[in-house]
């Protein structure tokens, strides 16, 4: 940076390093203060985690850290929550599918479970009621995911700020109907996530 007289006024490397050290020290102080608070709140946990990531040079992206509650969620916050729930659900589905594949392989490659009766006899798989694990993985996983979807839908509450546009009771009733529909589908065995 130069002034009108042509002299360079940009900070020196040492000045920048000193300023960086001061900022890091302040950030570390904020992290320690949040960590050592007598009461641990979501907001303090967020501040501590955010400061720790900055000190470690980790990039922060919205949604990486569980944000503290800030009143009635905005539509963007609902969308973010929905994306996180879908991501968590998809990760759970992948873990479930891998585990179910392992269990299916174990069941198909063996006659039963040794040690179950505690008398030396092998318990046949049919005794253990694991036949449902031999079904198609998509059917099993979809049922679990649809049950989880119904729980998530049932936990949603109509935001107060939208009540000028729609009746809160109507929307809440619609959400409840969707949750009930998911539950009914699961009970009938025709559920999809």
N, C-alpha and C. Protein backbone atom coordinates (compact mmCIF):
# COMPACT_ATOMS: atom_id res chain seq x y z
N UNK A 1 0.85 -1.17 0.00
CA UNK A 1 0.00 0.00 0.00
C UNK A 1 0.90 1.24 0.00
N UNK A 2 0.57 2.20 -0.77
CA UNK A 2 1.37 3.43 -0.82
C UNK A 2 0.48 4.63 -0.60
N UNK A 3 1.08 5.68 -0.05
CA UNK A 3 0.37 6.93 0.13
C UNK A 3 0.69 7.84 -1.05
N UNK A 4 0.14 9.06 -1.04
CA UNK A 4 0.36 10.00 -2.13
C UNK A 4 1.83 10.36 -2.32
N UNK A 5 2.60 10.32 -1.25
CA UNK A 5 4.00 10.71 -1.36
C UNK A 5 4.88 9.56 -1.87
N UNK A 6 4.28 8.41 -2.20
CA UNK A 6 5.03 7.31 -2.76
C UNK A 6 5.69 6.40 -1.75
N UNK A 7 5.50 6.64 -0.45
CA UNK A 7 6.12 5.80 0.57
C UNK A 7 5.25 4.56 0.82
N UNK A 8 5.90 3.43 0.99
CA UNK A 8 5.22 2.17 1.26
C UNK A 8 4.80 2.14 2.73
N UNK A 9 3.47 1.97 2.98
CA UNK A 9 2.95 1.95 4.36
C UNK A 9 2.38 0.59 4.74
N UNK A 10 2.58 -0.44 3.91
CA UNK A 10 2.05 -1.76 4.24
C UNK A 10 2.84 -2.33 5.42
N UNK A 11 2.16 -3.14 6.26
CA UNK A 11 2.83 -3.67 7.45
C UNK A 11 3.96 -4.65 7.06
N UNK A 12 4.96 -4.67 7.92
CA UNK A 12 6.08 -5.57 7.67
C UNK A 12 5.67 -7.00 8.03
N UNK A 13 6.50 -7.97 7.61
CA UNK A 13 6.27 -9.37 7.91
C UNK A 13 6.22 -9.60 9.41
N UNK A 14 7.11 -8.96 10.16
CA UNK A 14 7.14 -9.11 11.62
C UNK A 14 5.87 -8.54 12.24
N UNK A 15 5.38 -7.43 11.73
CA UNK A 15 4.15 -6.85 12.26
C UNK A 15 2.96 -7.77 12.01
N UNK A 16 2.92 -8.37 10.83
CA UNK A 16 1.83 -9.30 10.51
C UNK A 16 1.90 -10.54 11.41
N UNK A 17 3.11 -11.04 11.65
CA UNK A 17 3.25 -12.21 12.53
C UNK A 17 2.84 -11.87 13.95
N UNK A 18 3.19 -10.67 14.41
CA UNK A 18 2.82 -10.25 15.76
C UNK A 18 1.30 -10.12 15.89
N UNK A 19 0.68 -9.53 14.87
CA UNK A 19 -0.78 -9.39 14.88
C UNK A 19 -1.45 -10.76 14.84
N UNK A 20 -0.92 -11.67 14.03
CA UNK A 20 -1.44 -13.03 13.95
C UNK A 20 -1.33 -13.74 15.30
N UNK A 21 -0.20 -13.57 15.97
CA UNK A 21 -0.01 -14.19 17.29
C UNK A 21 -1.01 -13.63 18.30
N UNK A 22 -1.27 -12.31 18.25
CA UNK A 22 -2.23 -11.70 19.16
C UNK A 22 -3.63 -12.25 18.91
N UNK A 23 -4.00 -12.38 17.64
CA UNK A 23 -5.32 -12.89 17.30
C UNK A 23 -5.47 -14.35 17.74
N UNK A 24 -4.42 -15.15 17.53
CA UNK A 24 -4.46 -16.55 17.97
C UNK A 24 -4.59 -16.64 19.48
N UNK A 25 -3.86 -15.77 20.19
CA UNK A 25 -3.93 -15.77 21.65
C UNK A 25 -5.34 -15.40 22.11
N UNK A 26 -5.94 -14.40 21.46
CA UNK A 26 -7.30 -14.00 21.82
C UNK A 26 -8.29 -15.13 21.54
N UNK A 27 -8.13 -15.80 20.41
CA UNK A 27 -9.00 -16.90 20.05
C UNK A 27 -8.85 -18.07 21.02
N UNK A 28 -7.60 -18.35 21.41
CA UNK A 28 -7.36 -19.41 22.38
C UNK A 28 -7.97 -19.04 23.73
N UNK A 29 -7.91 -17.78 24.11
CA UNK A 29 -8.52 -17.32 25.36
C UNK A 29 -10.04 -17.53 25.31
N UNK A 30 -10.64 -17.21 24.18
CA UNK A 30 -12.08 -17.40 24.02
C UNK A 30 -12.42 -18.89 24.15
N UNK A 31 -11.63 -19.77 23.50
CA UNK A 31 -11.86 -21.21 23.57
C UNK A 31 -11.75 -21.71 25.01
N UNK A 32 -10.67 -21.29 25.71
CA UNK A 32 -10.47 -21.73 27.09
C UNK A 32 -11.59 -21.24 28.00
N UNK A 33 -12.02 -20.01 27.80
CA UNK A 33 -13.10 -19.45 28.61
C UNK A 33 -14.39 -20.25 28.39
N UNK A 34 -14.70 -20.55 27.14
CA UNK A 34 -15.90 -21.34 26.84
C UNK A 34 -15.79 -22.74 27.44
N UNK A 35 -14.60 -23.36 27.35
CA UNK A 35 -14.40 -24.71 27.89
C UNK A 35 -14.50 -24.74 29.41
N UNK A 36 -14.07 -23.66 30.08
CA UNK A 36 -14.01 -23.66 31.54
C UNK A 36 -15.22 -23.03 32.21
N UNK A 37 -16.27 -22.79 31.44
CA UNK A 37 -17.48 -22.23 32.01
C UNK A 37 -18.11 -23.22 32.98
N UNK A 38 -18.75 -22.71 34.02
CA UNK A 38 -19.39 -23.57 35.00
C UNK A 38 -20.58 -24.32 34.40
N UNK A 39 -21.27 -23.69 33.47
CA UNK A 39 -22.40 -24.35 32.82
C UNK A 39 -22.05 -24.53 31.35
N UNK A 40 -22.26 -25.73 30.86
CA UNK A 40 -21.91 -26.06 29.48
C UNK A 40 -23.18 -25.97 28.64
N UNK A 41 -23.26 -24.98 27.77
CA UNK A 41 -24.42 -24.81 26.91
C UNK A 41 -24.03 -25.14 25.47
N UNK A 42 -25.04 -25.30 24.62
CA UNK A 42 -24.77 -25.54 23.19
C UNK A 42 -24.00 -24.37 22.60
N UNK A 43 -24.34 -23.17 23.02
CA UNK A 43 -23.67 -21.98 22.48
C UNK A 43 -22.18 -21.98 22.86
N UNK A 44 -21.87 -22.31 24.11
CA UNK A 44 -20.47 -22.36 24.53
C UNK A 44 -19.72 -23.49 23.84
N UNK A 45 -20.39 -24.62 23.65
CA UNK A 45 -19.77 -25.74 22.94
C UNK A 45 -19.47 -25.32 21.49
N UNK A 46 -20.41 -24.60 20.89
CA UNK A 46 -20.22 -24.12 19.52
C UNK A 46 -19.03 -23.15 19.46
N UNK A 47 -18.98 -22.21 20.39
CA UNK A 47 -17.89 -21.22 20.41
C UNK A 47 -16.54 -21.92 20.58
N UNK A 48 -16.48 -22.87 21.50
CA UNK A 48 -15.24 -23.60 21.74
C UNK A 48 -14.80 -24.38 20.50
N UNK A 49 -15.74 -25.10 19.89
CA UNK A 49 -15.42 -25.91 18.70
C UNK A 49 -15.00 -25.00 17.54
N UNK A 50 -15.71 -23.91 17.37
CA UNK A 50 -15.40 -22.98 16.27
C UNK A 50 -14.01 -22.38 16.46
N UNK A 51 -13.68 -22.00 17.68
CA UNK A 51 -12.36 -21.43 17.98
C UNK A 51 -11.27 -22.48 17.80
N UNK A 52 -11.52 -23.71 18.26
CA UNK A 52 -10.53 -24.78 18.11
C UNK A 52 -10.23 -25.05 16.65
N UNK A 53 -11.27 -25.09 15.84
CA UNK A 53 -11.06 -25.33 14.40
C UNK A 53 -10.27 -24.21 13.76
N UNK A 54 -10.56 -22.99 14.13
CA UNK A 54 -9.82 -21.86 13.57
C UNK A 54 -8.35 -21.92 13.99
N UNK A 55 -8.11 -22.26 15.25
CA UNK A 55 -6.73 -22.36 15.73
C UNK A 55 -5.96 -23.48 15.04
N UNK A 56 -6.66 -24.55 14.68
CA UNK A 56 -6.03 -25.68 14.00
C UNK A 56 -5.94 -25.48 12.50
N UNK A 57 -6.44 -24.34 12.02
CA UNK A 57 -6.37 -24.06 10.60
C UNK A 57 -7.39 -24.83 9.77
N UNK A 58 -8.43 -25.35 10.43
CA UNK A 58 -9.46 -26.11 9.71
C UNK A 58 -10.50 -25.16 9.15
N UNK A 59 -10.90 -25.41 7.92
CA UNK A 59 -11.90 -24.58 7.27
C UNK A 59 -13.26 -24.82 7.93
N UNK A 60 -14.00 -23.77 8.15
CA UNK A 60 -15.33 -23.87 8.74
C UNK A 60 -16.37 -23.70 7.65
N UNK A 61 -17.35 -24.60 7.63
CA UNK A 61 -18.48 -24.46 6.73
C UNK A 61 -19.74 -24.56 7.55
N UNK A 62 -20.71 -23.74 7.21
CA UNK A 62 -21.97 -23.75 7.94
C UNK A 62 -22.54 -25.15 7.96
N UNK A 63 -22.91 -25.60 9.12
CA UNK A 63 -23.49 -26.92 9.25
C UNK A 63 -22.51 -27.97 9.75
N UNK A 64 -21.21 -27.65 9.75
CA UNK A 64 -20.21 -28.60 10.26
C UNK A 64 -20.37 -28.81 11.76
N UNK A 65 -20.79 -27.77 12.44
CA UNK A 65 -20.90 -27.80 13.89
C UNK A 65 -22.37 -27.60 14.24
N UNK A 66 -22.84 -28.32 15.26
CA UNK A 66 -24.22 -28.18 15.70
C UNK A 66 -24.40 -26.78 16.27
N UNK A 67 -25.12 -25.94 15.55
CA UNK A 67 -25.28 -24.55 15.96
C UNK A 67 -26.23 -24.41 17.13
N UNK A 68 -26.03 -23.38 17.95
CA UNK A 68 -26.96 -23.16 19.06
C UNK A 68 -28.31 -22.69 18.52
N UNK A 69 -29.34 -22.92 19.31
CA UNK A 69 -30.68 -22.49 18.91
C UNK A 69 -30.73 -20.97 18.87
N UNK A 70 -31.44 -20.46 17.87
CA UNK A 70 -31.56 -19.01 17.72
C UNK A 70 -33.01 -18.65 17.46
N UNK A 71 -33.88 -19.01 18.38
CA UNK A 71 -35.29 -18.70 18.21
C UNK A 71 -35.93 -19.61 17.19
N UNK A 72 -36.96 -19.10 16.53
CA UNK A 72 -37.69 -19.87 15.53
C UNK A 72 -36.80 -20.08 14.31
N UNK A 73 -36.65 -21.32 13.87
CA UNK A 73 -35.80 -21.58 12.71
C UNK A 73 -36.34 -20.92 11.45
N UNK A 74 -35.44 -20.46 10.62
CA UNK A 74 -35.81 -19.88 9.33
C UNK A 74 -35.98 -21.01 8.33
N UNK A 75 -36.62 -20.74 7.20
CA UNK A 75 -36.71 -21.78 6.16
C UNK A 75 -35.33 -22.32 5.76
N UNK A 76 -34.33 -21.45 5.70
CA UNK A 76 -32.98 -21.91 5.36
C UNK A 76 -32.44 -22.87 6.42
N UNK A 77 -32.74 -22.59 7.69
CA UNK A 77 -32.30 -23.48 8.77
C UNK A 77 -33.03 -24.81 8.70
N UNK A 78 -34.33 -24.78 8.34
CA UNK A 78 -35.06 -26.03 8.17
C UNK A 78 -34.44 -26.83 7.03
N UNK A 79 -34.11 -26.16 5.94
CA UNK A 79 -33.51 -26.83 4.80
C UNK A 79 -32.18 -27.45 5.19
N UNK A 80 -31.37 -26.72 5.94
CA UNK A 80 -30.08 -27.23 6.40
C UNK A 80 -30.28 -28.46 7.30
N UNK A 81 -31.24 -28.37 8.21
CA UNK A 81 -31.53 -29.51 9.08
C UNK A 81 -31.98 -30.72 8.26
N UNK A 82 -32.82 -30.45 7.28
CA UNK A 82 -33.31 -31.53 6.42
C UNK A 82 -32.14 -32.19 5.68
N UNK A 83 -31.22 -31.37 5.12
CA UNK A 83 -30.07 -31.93 4.40
C UNK A 83 -29.21 -32.77 5.33
N UNK A 84 -29.02 -32.30 6.56
CA UNK A 84 -28.22 -33.07 7.53
C UNK A 84 -28.90 -34.38 7.88
N UNK A 85 -30.22 -34.33 8.07
CA UNK A 85 -30.94 -35.56 8.39
C UNK A 85 -30.88 -36.55 7.23
N UNK A 86 -31.01 -36.05 6.01
CA UNK A 86 -30.90 -36.94 4.84
C UNK A 86 -29.50 -37.55 4.76
N UNK A 87 -28.49 -36.72 5.01
CA UNK A 87 -27.11 -37.20 4.97
C UNK A 87 -26.90 -38.27 6.04
N UNK A 88 -27.38 -37.99 7.26
CA UNK A 88 -27.26 -38.97 8.35
C UNK A 88 -28.03 -40.24 8.01
N UNK A 89 -29.22 -40.08 7.45
CA UNK A 89 -30.03 -41.23 7.08
C UNK A 89 -29.32 -42.07 6.02
N UNK A 90 -28.75 -41.42 5.02
CA UNK A 90 -28.06 -42.15 3.95
C UNK A 90 -26.83 -42.88 4.50
N UNK A 91 -26.12 -42.23 5.42
CA UNK A 91 -24.95 -42.88 6.04
C UNK A 91 -25.40 -44.09 6.86
N UNK A 92 -26.50 -43.92 7.59
CA UNK A 92 -27.05 -45.03 8.38
C UNK A 92 -27.49 -46.17 7.47
N UNK A 93 -28.11 -45.83 6.36
CA UNK A 93 -28.56 -46.85 5.40
C UNK A 93 -27.37 -47.63 4.86
N UNK A 94 -26.29 -46.93 4.54
CA UNK A 94 -25.09 -47.60 4.02
C UNK A 94 -24.49 -48.52 5.08
N UNK A 95 -24.42 -48.03 6.33
CA UNK A 95 -23.89 -48.87 7.41
C UNK A 95 -24.77 -50.08 7.64
N UNK A 96 -26.08 -49.86 7.60
CA UNK A 96 -27.02 -50.97 7.80
C UNK A 96 -26.87 -52.00 6.69
N UNK A 97 -26.79 -51.53 5.44
CA UNK A 97 -26.67 -52.45 4.31
C UNK A 97 -25.40 -53.29 4.42
N UNK A 98 -24.30 -52.65 4.81
CA UNK A 98 -23.04 -53.39 4.95
C UNK A 98 -23.15 -54.43 6.08
N UNK A 99 -23.73 -54.04 7.19
CA UNK A 99 -23.90 -54.96 8.31
C UNK A 99 -24.85 -56.10 7.95
N UNK A 100 -25.95 -55.76 7.28
CA UNK A 100 -26.91 -56.80 6.88
C UNK A 100 -26.26 -57.77 5.91
N UNK A 101 -25.42 -57.29 5.00
CA UNK A 101 -24.71 -58.18 4.07
C UNK A 101 -23.81 -59.14 4.83
N UNK A 102 -23.11 -58.62 5.83
CA UNK A 102 -22.23 -59.46 6.64
C UNK A 102 -23.02 -60.53 7.39
N UNK A 103 -24.13 -60.12 7.99
CA UNK A 103 -24.95 -61.07 8.75
C UNK A 103 -25.55 -62.11 7.81
N UNK A 104 -26.04 -61.67 6.64
CA UNK A 104 -26.59 -62.61 5.66
C UNK A 104 -25.53 -63.63 5.23
N UNK A 105 -24.32 -63.16 4.98
CA UNK A 105 -23.24 -64.07 4.58
C UNK A 105 -22.94 -65.06 5.70
N UNK A 106 -22.93 -64.59 6.93
CA UNK A 106 -22.69 -65.46 8.08
C UNK A 106 -23.79 -66.51 8.19
N UNK A 107 -25.04 -66.10 8.03
CA UNK A 107 -26.16 -67.04 8.14
C UNK A 107 -26.10 -68.07 7.02
N UNK A 108 -25.79 -67.64 5.81
CA UNK A 108 -25.77 -68.56 4.67
C UNK A 108 -24.58 -69.51 4.73
N UNK A 109 -23.49 -69.10 5.36
CA UNK A 109 -22.29 -69.93 5.41
C UNK A 109 -22.20 -70.78 6.67
N UNK A 110 -23.22 -70.76 7.52
CA UNK A 110 -23.15 -71.55 8.75
C UNK A 110 -24.50 -72.18 9.05
N UNK A 111 -24.48 -73.12 9.98
CA UNK A 111 -25.71 -73.83 10.35
C UNK A 111 -26.44 -73.19 11.52
N UNK A 112 -25.76 -72.34 12.25
CA UNK A 112 -26.40 -71.73 13.41
C UNK A 112 -25.39 -71.00 14.27
N UNK A 113 -25.77 -70.79 15.50
CA UNK A 113 -24.97 -70.02 16.43
C UNK A 113 -24.55 -70.92 17.59
N UNK A 114 -23.25 -71.16 17.72
CA UNK A 114 -22.73 -72.00 18.80
C UNK A 114 -22.67 -71.19 20.08
N UNK A 115 -23.01 -71.84 21.20
CA UNK A 115 -22.92 -71.20 22.49
C UNK A 115 -24.19 -70.50 22.93
N UNK A 116 -25.17 -70.41 22.07
CA UNK A 116 -26.41 -69.71 22.41
C UNK A 116 -27.16 -70.42 23.53
N UNK A 117 -27.24 -71.76 23.45
CA UNK A 117 -27.98 -72.52 24.45
C UNK A 117 -27.16 -72.78 25.72
N UNK A 118 -25.89 -72.48 25.69
CA UNK A 118 -24.98 -72.71 26.82
C UNK A 118 -24.87 -74.19 27.20
N UNK A 119 -25.19 -75.08 26.26
CA UNK A 119 -25.08 -76.51 26.55
C UNK A 119 -24.25 -77.22 25.48
N UNK A 120 -23.60 -76.49 24.63
CA UNK A 120 -22.76 -77.08 23.60
C UNK A 120 -23.47 -77.34 22.29
N UNK A 121 -24.80 -77.26 22.27
CA UNK A 121 -25.53 -77.46 21.02
C UNK A 121 -25.53 -76.19 20.18
N UNK A 122 -25.58 -76.39 18.89
CA UNK A 122 -25.64 -75.25 17.96
C UNK A 122 -27.10 -74.86 17.79
N UNK A 123 -27.41 -73.59 18.00
CA UNK A 123 -28.78 -73.09 17.79
C UNK A 123 -28.96 -72.80 16.30
N UNK A 124 -29.94 -73.45 15.69
CA UNK A 124 -30.21 -73.22 14.27
C UNK A 124 -30.71 -71.78 14.08
N UNK A 125 -30.42 -71.26 12.91
CA UNK A 125 -30.84 -69.88 12.63
C UNK A 125 -32.35 -69.75 12.70
N UNK A 126 -33.08 -70.79 12.37
CA UNK A 126 -34.55 -70.71 12.41
C UNK A 126 -35.06 -70.51 13.83
N UNK A 127 -34.33 -71.02 14.82
CA UNK A 127 -34.71 -70.83 16.22
C UNK A 127 -34.57 -69.38 16.65
N UNK A 128 -33.66 -68.68 16.01
CA UNK A 128 -33.33 -67.32 16.45
C UNK A 128 -34.16 -66.25 15.76
N UNK A 129 -35.08 -66.66 14.91
CA UNK A 129 -35.98 -65.72 14.23
C UNK A 129 -35.20 -64.63 13.48
N UNK A 130 -34.28 -65.05 12.66
CA UNK A 130 -33.50 -64.10 11.87
C UNK A 130 -33.82 -64.22 10.39
N UNK A 131 -34.90 -64.91 10.07
CA UNK A 131 -35.29 -65.09 8.68
C UNK A 131 -35.49 -63.78 7.95
N UNK A 132 -35.97 -62.76 8.67
CA UNK A 132 -36.19 -61.46 8.03
C UNK A 132 -34.88 -60.86 7.51
N UNK A 133 -33.76 -61.29 8.06
CA UNK A 133 -32.47 -60.78 7.59
C UNK A 133 -32.08 -61.36 6.23
N UNK A 134 -32.75 -62.45 5.85
CA UNK A 134 -32.44 -63.05 4.56
C UNK A 134 -33.23 -62.41 3.43
N UNK A 135 -34.16 -61.51 3.78
CA UNK A 135 -34.93 -60.80 2.76
C UNK A 135 -34.04 -59.84 1.98
N UNK A 136 -34.63 -59.18 1.04
CA UNK A 136 -33.88 -58.21 0.24
C UNK A 136 -33.43 -57.07 1.14
N UNK A 137 -32.17 -56.66 1.01
CA UNK A 137 -31.66 -55.60 1.87
C UNK A 137 -32.43 -54.29 1.72
N UNK A 138 -32.89 -54.00 0.51
CA UNK A 138 -33.61 -52.75 0.31
C UNK A 138 -34.91 -52.72 1.11
N UNK A 139 -35.60 -53.87 1.15
CA UNK A 139 -36.86 -53.92 1.89
C UNK A 139 -36.62 -53.67 3.37
N UNK A 140 -35.61 -54.32 3.92
CA UNK A 140 -35.31 -54.18 5.35
C UNK A 140 -34.87 -52.76 5.66
N UNK A 141 -33.93 -52.27 4.87
CA UNK A 141 -33.42 -50.92 5.09
C UNK A 141 -34.48 -49.87 4.89
N UNK A 142 -35.32 -50.03 3.86
CA UNK A 142 -36.38 -49.06 3.61
C UNK A 142 -37.35 -48.99 4.77
N UNK A 143 -37.65 -50.13 5.38
CA UNK A 143 -38.56 -50.13 6.52
C UNK A 143 -37.97 -49.33 7.67
N UNK A 144 -36.69 -49.57 7.96
CA UNK A 144 -36.04 -48.84 9.05
C UNK A 144 -35.96 -47.35 8.73
N UNK A 145 -35.64 -47.03 7.49
CA UNK A 145 -35.53 -45.62 7.10
C UNK A 145 -36.90 -44.94 7.12
N UNK A 146 -37.93 -45.64 6.67
CA UNK A 146 -39.26 -45.05 6.68
C UNK A 146 -39.74 -44.81 8.10
N UNK A 147 -39.42 -45.75 9.02
CA UNK A 147 -39.76 -45.53 10.43
C UNK A 147 -39.07 -44.28 10.95
N UNK A 148 -37.79 -44.13 10.60
CA UNK A 148 -37.04 -42.94 11.03
C UNK A 148 -37.63 -41.68 10.41
N UNK A 149 -38.01 -41.76 9.13
CA UNK A 149 -38.64 -40.61 8.47
C UNK A 149 -39.92 -40.21 9.20
N UNK A 150 -40.72 -41.20 9.60
CA UNK A 150 -41.97 -40.88 10.30
C UNK A 150 -41.68 -40.19 11.63
N UNK A 151 -40.61 -40.61 12.32
CA UNK A 151 -40.24 -39.97 13.58
C UNK A 151 -39.81 -38.52 13.34
N UNK A 152 -39.03 -38.32 12.28
CA UNK A 152 -38.56 -36.96 11.97
C UNK A 152 -39.74 -36.08 11.60
N UNK A 153 -40.62 -36.59 10.74
CA UNK A 153 -41.79 -35.79 10.35
C UNK A 153 -42.63 -35.45 11.57
N UNK A 154 -42.83 -36.43 12.45
CA UNK A 154 -43.64 -36.20 13.65
C UNK A 154 -43.00 -35.17 14.58
N UNK A 155 -41.67 -35.04 14.54
CA UNK A 155 -40.99 -34.10 15.43
C UNK A 155 -41.01 -32.66 14.91
N UNK A 156 -41.41 -32.48 13.66
CA UNK A 156 -41.44 -31.13 13.09
C UNK A 156 -42.60 -30.33 13.67
N UNK A 157 -42.36 -29.05 13.89
CA UNK A 157 -43.40 -28.15 14.39
C UNK A 157 -43.47 -26.96 13.46
N UNK A 158 -44.67 -26.54 13.20
CA UNK A 158 -44.90 -25.45 12.28
C UNK A 158 -44.30 -24.16 12.82
N UNK A 159 -43.42 -23.49 12.04
CA UNK A 159 -42.79 -22.25 12.51
C UNK A 159 -43.80 -21.13 12.71
N UNK A 160 -43.68 -20.44 13.82
CA UNK A 160 -44.61 -19.37 14.18
C UNK A 160 -44.62 -18.28 13.12
N UNK A 161 -43.45 -17.97 12.55
CA UNK A 161 -43.36 -16.85 11.62
C UNK A 161 -44.16 -17.07 10.33
N UNK A 162 -44.54 -18.30 10.02
CA UNK A 162 -45.30 -18.58 8.81
C UNK A 162 -46.81 -18.60 9.05
N UNK A 163 -47.23 -18.38 10.26
CA UNK A 163 -48.66 -18.48 10.58
C UNK A 163 -49.49 -17.39 9.91
N UNK A 164 -48.87 -16.31 9.47
CA UNK A 164 -49.61 -15.28 8.75
C UNK A 164 -49.99 -15.78 7.36
N UNK A 165 -49.19 -16.71 6.83
CA UNK A 165 -49.44 -17.23 5.49
C UNK A 165 -50.38 -18.44 5.51
N UNK A 166 -50.24 -19.31 6.51
CA UNK A 166 -51.03 -20.52 6.61
C UNK A 166 -51.47 -20.73 8.04
N UNK A 167 -52.52 -21.46 8.19
CA UNK A 167 -52.97 -21.81 9.53
C UNK A 167 -52.01 -22.85 10.11
N UNK A 168 -51.47 -22.56 11.28
CA UNK A 168 -50.54 -23.50 11.92
C UNK A 168 -51.18 -24.85 12.17
N UNK A 169 -52.46 -24.85 12.55
CA UNK A 169 -53.15 -26.10 12.82
C UNK A 169 -53.26 -26.97 11.58
N UNK A 170 -53.54 -26.34 10.43
CA UNK A 170 -53.66 -27.11 9.19
C UNK A 170 -52.33 -27.74 8.79
N UNK A 171 -51.27 -26.97 8.88
CA UNK A 171 -49.96 -27.49 8.49
C UNK A 171 -49.51 -28.57 9.47
N UNK A 172 -49.72 -28.35 10.77
CA UNK A 172 -49.33 -29.35 11.77
C UNK A 172 -50.13 -30.63 11.56
N UNK A 173 -51.41 -30.50 11.22
CA UNK A 173 -52.25 -31.66 10.94
C UNK A 173 -51.71 -32.40 9.71
N UNK A 174 -51.30 -31.64 8.68
CA UNK A 174 -50.73 -32.24 7.47
C UNK A 174 -49.45 -33.01 7.80
N UNK A 175 -48.57 -32.40 8.63
CA UNK A 175 -47.35 -33.09 9.04
C UNK A 175 -47.67 -34.37 9.80
N UNK A 176 -48.63 -34.30 10.70
CA UNK A 176 -49.02 -35.48 11.47
C UNK A 176 -49.57 -36.58 10.55
N UNK A 177 -50.36 -36.17 9.55
CA UNK A 177 -50.89 -37.16 8.60
C UNK A 177 -49.76 -37.84 7.82
N UNK A 178 -48.75 -37.08 7.42
CA UNK A 178 -47.62 -37.66 6.69
C UNK A 178 -46.87 -38.67 7.58
N UNK A 179 -46.69 -38.31 8.86
CA UNK A 179 -46.01 -39.23 9.78
C UNK A 179 -46.84 -40.50 9.98
N UNK A 180 -48.15 -40.33 10.14
CA UNK A 180 -49.03 -41.50 10.31
C UNK A 180 -49.01 -42.38 9.06
N UNK A 181 -48.98 -41.74 7.89
CA UNK A 181 -48.94 -42.48 6.63
C UNK A 181 -47.67 -43.32 6.53
N UNK A 182 -46.53 -42.73 6.92
CA UNK A 182 -45.26 -43.47 6.91
C UNK A 182 -45.34 -44.66 7.87
N UNK A 183 -45.88 -44.44 9.07
CA UNK A 183 -46.00 -45.52 10.04
C UNK A 183 -46.88 -46.64 9.50
N UNK A 184 -48.00 -46.27 8.89
CA UNK A 184 -48.92 -47.26 8.32
C UNK A 184 -48.23 -48.07 7.22
N UNK A 185 -47.47 -47.39 6.37
CA UNK A 185 -46.74 -48.08 5.30
C UNK A 185 -45.76 -49.09 5.89
N UNK A 186 -45.08 -48.72 6.96
CA UNK A 186 -44.12 -49.63 7.59
C UNK A 186 -44.83 -50.86 8.13
N UNK A 187 -45.96 -50.65 8.76
CA UNK A 187 -46.70 -51.78 9.33
C UNK A 187 -47.20 -52.71 8.23
N UNK A 188 -47.55 -52.15 7.07
CA UNK A 188 -48.04 -52.96 5.96
C UNK A 188 -46.92 -53.56 5.14
N UNK A 189 -45.68 -53.10 5.38
CA UNK A 189 -44.53 -53.62 4.65
C UNK A 189 -44.35 -53.01 3.28
N UNK A 190 -44.97 -51.87 3.01
CA UNK A 190 -44.84 -51.24 1.69
C UNK A 190 -44.20 -49.87 1.80
N UNK A 191 -43.25 -49.73 2.70
CA UNK A 191 -42.69 -48.40 2.94
C UNK A 191 -41.47 -48.14 2.08
N UNK A 192 -41.34 -46.88 1.71
CA UNK A 192 -40.16 -46.40 1.00
C UNK A 192 -39.69 -45.15 1.73
N UNK A 193 -38.37 -44.97 1.80
CA UNK A 193 -37.88 -43.78 2.51
C UNK A 193 -38.19 -42.51 1.75
